[in-house]
Amino acid sequence: MASPTKKKKVRKLIKKARAGAKRKNANRLHGTTQANLPLTVPNAGERASLKKRA
């Protein structure tokens, strides 16, 4: 029979692997870009160059 320490170590490794797989699946399904990231807004450099032209 395995010692309690060895059981704990194995369970920890399994938990770590499962968490990694869960994270990767979530990234595949939902992506890694923040939901509230305004992708249609120009960046600061573009805004400055647009103001100079006007």
N, C-alpha and C. Protein backbone atom coordinates (compact mmCIF):
# COMPACT_ATOMS: atom_id res chain seq x y z
N MET A 1 0.84 -1.19 0.00
CA MET A 1 0.00 0.00 0.00
C MET A 1 0.88 1.25 0.00
N ALA A 2 0.46 2.25 -0.74
CA ALA A 2 1.23 3.48 -0.85
C ALA A 2 1.09 4.31 0.41
N SER A 3 2.15 5.06 0.70
CA SER A 3 2.12 5.91 1.88
C SER A 3 1.23 7.13 1.62
N PRO A 4 0.74 7.76 2.68
CA PRO A 4 -0.08 8.97 2.50
C PRO A 4 0.65 10.09 1.75
N THR A 5 1.96 10.18 1.97
CA THR A 5 2.74 11.22 1.28
C THR A 5 2.76 10.97 -0.23
N LYS A 6 2.96 9.71 -0.60
CA LYS A 6 3.00 9.37 -2.03
C LYS A 6 1.64 9.58 -2.68
N LYS A 7 0.57 9.22 -1.98
CA LYS A 7 -0.79 9.45 -2.50
C LYS A 7 -1.02 10.93 -2.73
N LYS A 8 -0.61 11.74 -1.76
CA LYS A 8 -0.79 13.18 -1.85
C LYS A 8 -0.03 13.74 -3.06
N LYS A 9 1.21 13.25 -3.25
CA LYS A 9 2.03 13.72 -4.35
C LYS A 9 1.40 13.38 -5.71
N VAL A 10 0.90 12.15 -5.81
CA VAL A 10 0.28 11.72 -7.07
C VAL A 10 -1.00 12.50 -7.32
N ARG A 11 -1.81 12.68 -6.30
CA ARG A 11 -3.05 13.44 -6.45
C ARG A 11 -2.77 14.88 -6.87
N LYS A 12 -1.70 15.46 -6.30
CA LYS A 12 -1.33 16.83 -6.64
C LYS A 12 -0.94 16.93 -8.12
N LEU A 13 -0.17 15.96 -8.61
CA LEU A 13 0.23 15.97 -10.01
C LEU A 13 -0.96 15.79 -10.94
N ILE A 14 -1.88 14.90 -10.56
CA ILE A 14 -3.08 14.70 -11.38
C ILE A 14 -3.93 15.96 -11.40
N LYS A 15 -4.08 16.60 -10.24
CA LYS A 15 -4.86 17.84 -10.15
C LYS A 15 -4.25 18.93 -11.01
N LYS A 16 -2.91 19.03 -11.00
CA LYS A 16 -2.21 20.03 -11.79
C LYS A 16 -2.41 19.79 -13.29
N ALA A 17 -2.32 18.52 -13.71
CA ALA A 17 -2.51 18.19 -15.12
C ALA A 17 -3.95 18.46 -15.55
N ARG A 18 -4.90 18.12 -14.69
CA ARG A 18 -6.31 18.34 -15.01
C ARG A 18 -6.61 19.84 -15.13
N ALA A 19 -6.02 20.64 -14.24
CA ALA A 19 -6.23 22.09 -14.29
C ALA A 19 -5.66 22.67 -15.59
N GLY A 20 -4.51 22.17 -16.02
CA GLY A 20 -3.91 22.64 -17.27
C GLY A 20 -4.79 22.30 -18.46
N ALA A 21 -5.32 21.09 -18.48
CA ALA A 21 -6.19 20.67 -19.58
C ALA A 21 -7.47 21.49 -19.59
N LYS A 22 -7.99 21.77 -18.40
CA LYS A 22 -9.20 22.57 -18.28
C LYS A 22 -8.96 24.00 -18.80
N ARG A 23 -7.81 24.56 -18.46
CA ARG A 23 -7.44 25.91 -18.91
C ARG A 23 -7.31 25.94 -20.43
N LYS A 24 -6.65 24.94 -21.00
CA LYS A 24 -6.47 24.90 -22.45
C LYS A 24 -7.80 24.75 -23.17
N ASN A 25 -8.70 23.92 -22.64
CA ASN A 25 -10.01 23.77 -23.25
C ASN A 25 -10.80 25.07 -23.19
N ALA A 26 -10.71 25.77 -22.07
CA ALA A 26 -11.41 27.05 -21.93
C ALA A 26 -10.86 28.06 -22.94
N ASN A 27 -9.53 28.07 -23.12
CA ASN A 27 -8.93 28.98 -24.10
C ASN A 27 -9.37 28.65 -25.51
N ARG A 28 -9.48 27.37 -25.81
CA ARG A 28 -9.92 26.97 -27.16
C ARG A 28 -11.36 27.39 -27.41
N LEU A 29 -12.20 27.25 -26.38
CA LEU A 29 -13.61 27.57 -26.54
C LEU A 29 -13.88 29.07 -26.54
N HIS A 30 -13.23 29.80 -25.65
CA HIS A 30 -13.54 31.22 -25.44
C HIS A 30 -12.45 32.18 -25.88
N GLY A 31 -11.29 31.69 -26.22
CA GLY A 31 -10.19 32.55 -26.63
C GLY A 31 -9.50 33.19 -25.44
N THR A 32 -8.42 33.91 -25.70
CA THR A 32 -7.64 34.52 -24.62
C THR A 32 -7.79 36.03 -24.57
N THR A 33 -8.51 36.62 -25.52
CA THR A 33 -8.71 38.06 -25.52
C THR A 33 -9.78 38.42 -24.49
N GLN A 34 -9.55 39.51 -23.75
CA GLN A 34 -10.52 39.94 -22.75
C GLN A 34 -11.85 40.27 -23.43
N ALA A 35 -12.93 39.98 -22.76
CA ALA A 35 -14.26 40.22 -23.33
C ALA A 35 -14.53 41.71 -23.51
N ASN A 36 -14.01 42.55 -22.62
CA ASN A 36 -14.31 43.99 -22.68
C ASN A 36 -13.23 44.78 -23.41
N LEU A 37 -12.36 44.13 -24.15
CA LEU A 37 -11.29 44.81 -24.86
C LEU A 37 -11.87 45.50 -26.11
N PRO A 38 -11.78 46.82 -26.20
CA PRO A 38 -12.35 47.53 -27.35
C PRO A 38 -11.45 47.40 -28.59
N LEU A 39 -11.70 46.42 -29.42
CA LEU A 39 -10.83 46.17 -30.56
C LEU A 39 -11.09 47.13 -31.72
N THR A 40 -12.20 47.85 -31.70
CA THR A 40 -12.50 48.76 -32.80
C THR A 40 -11.95 50.17 -32.56
N VAL A 41 -11.42 50.42 -31.37
CA VAL A 41 -10.89 51.75 -31.04
C VAL A 41 -9.44 51.82 -31.50
N PRO A 42 -9.05 52.89 -32.21
CA PRO A 42 -7.65 53.00 -32.63
C PRO A 42 -6.73 53.20 -31.43
N ASN A 43 -5.48 52.79 -31.57
CA ASN A 43 -4.55 52.92 -30.46
C ASN A 43 -4.08 54.37 -30.31
N ALA A 44 -3.31 54.65 -29.29
CA ALA A 44 -2.91 56.03 -28.96
C ALA A 44 -2.11 56.67 -30.09
N GLY A 45 -1.21 55.91 -30.72
CA GLY A 45 -0.41 56.45 -31.81
C GLY A 45 -1.26 56.85 -33.00
N GLU A 46 -2.26 56.04 -33.30
CA GLU A 46 -3.15 56.35 -34.41
C GLU A 46 -3.99 57.58 -34.10
N ARG A 47 -4.44 57.69 -32.84
CA ARG A 47 -5.24 58.85 -32.46
C ARG A 47 -4.43 60.14 -32.60
N ALA A 48 -3.16 60.09 -32.20
CA ALA A 48 -2.31 61.28 -32.29
C ALA A 48 -2.10 61.67 -33.75
N SER A 49 -1.88 60.68 -34.61
CA SER A 49 -1.64 60.99 -36.02
C SER A 49 -2.92 61.48 -36.71
N LEU A 50 -4.09 61.00 -36.26
CA LEU A 50 -5.35 61.46 -36.83
C LEU A 50 -5.61 62.91 -36.44
N LYS A 51 -5.25 63.30 -35.21
CA LYS A 51 -5.45 64.69 -34.77
C LYS A 51 -4.56 65.66 -35.54
N LYS A 52 -3.33 65.22 -35.87
CA LYS A 52 -2.40 66.07 -36.59
C LYS A 52 -2.90 66.34 -38.01
N ARG A 53 -3.53 65.35 -38.63
CA ARG A 53 -4.02 65.51 -40.00
C ARG A 53 -5.21 66.46 -40.07
N ALA A 54 -6.05 66.43 -39.04
CA ALA A 54 -7.28 67.23 -39.06
C ALA A 54 -7.04 68.69 -38.82
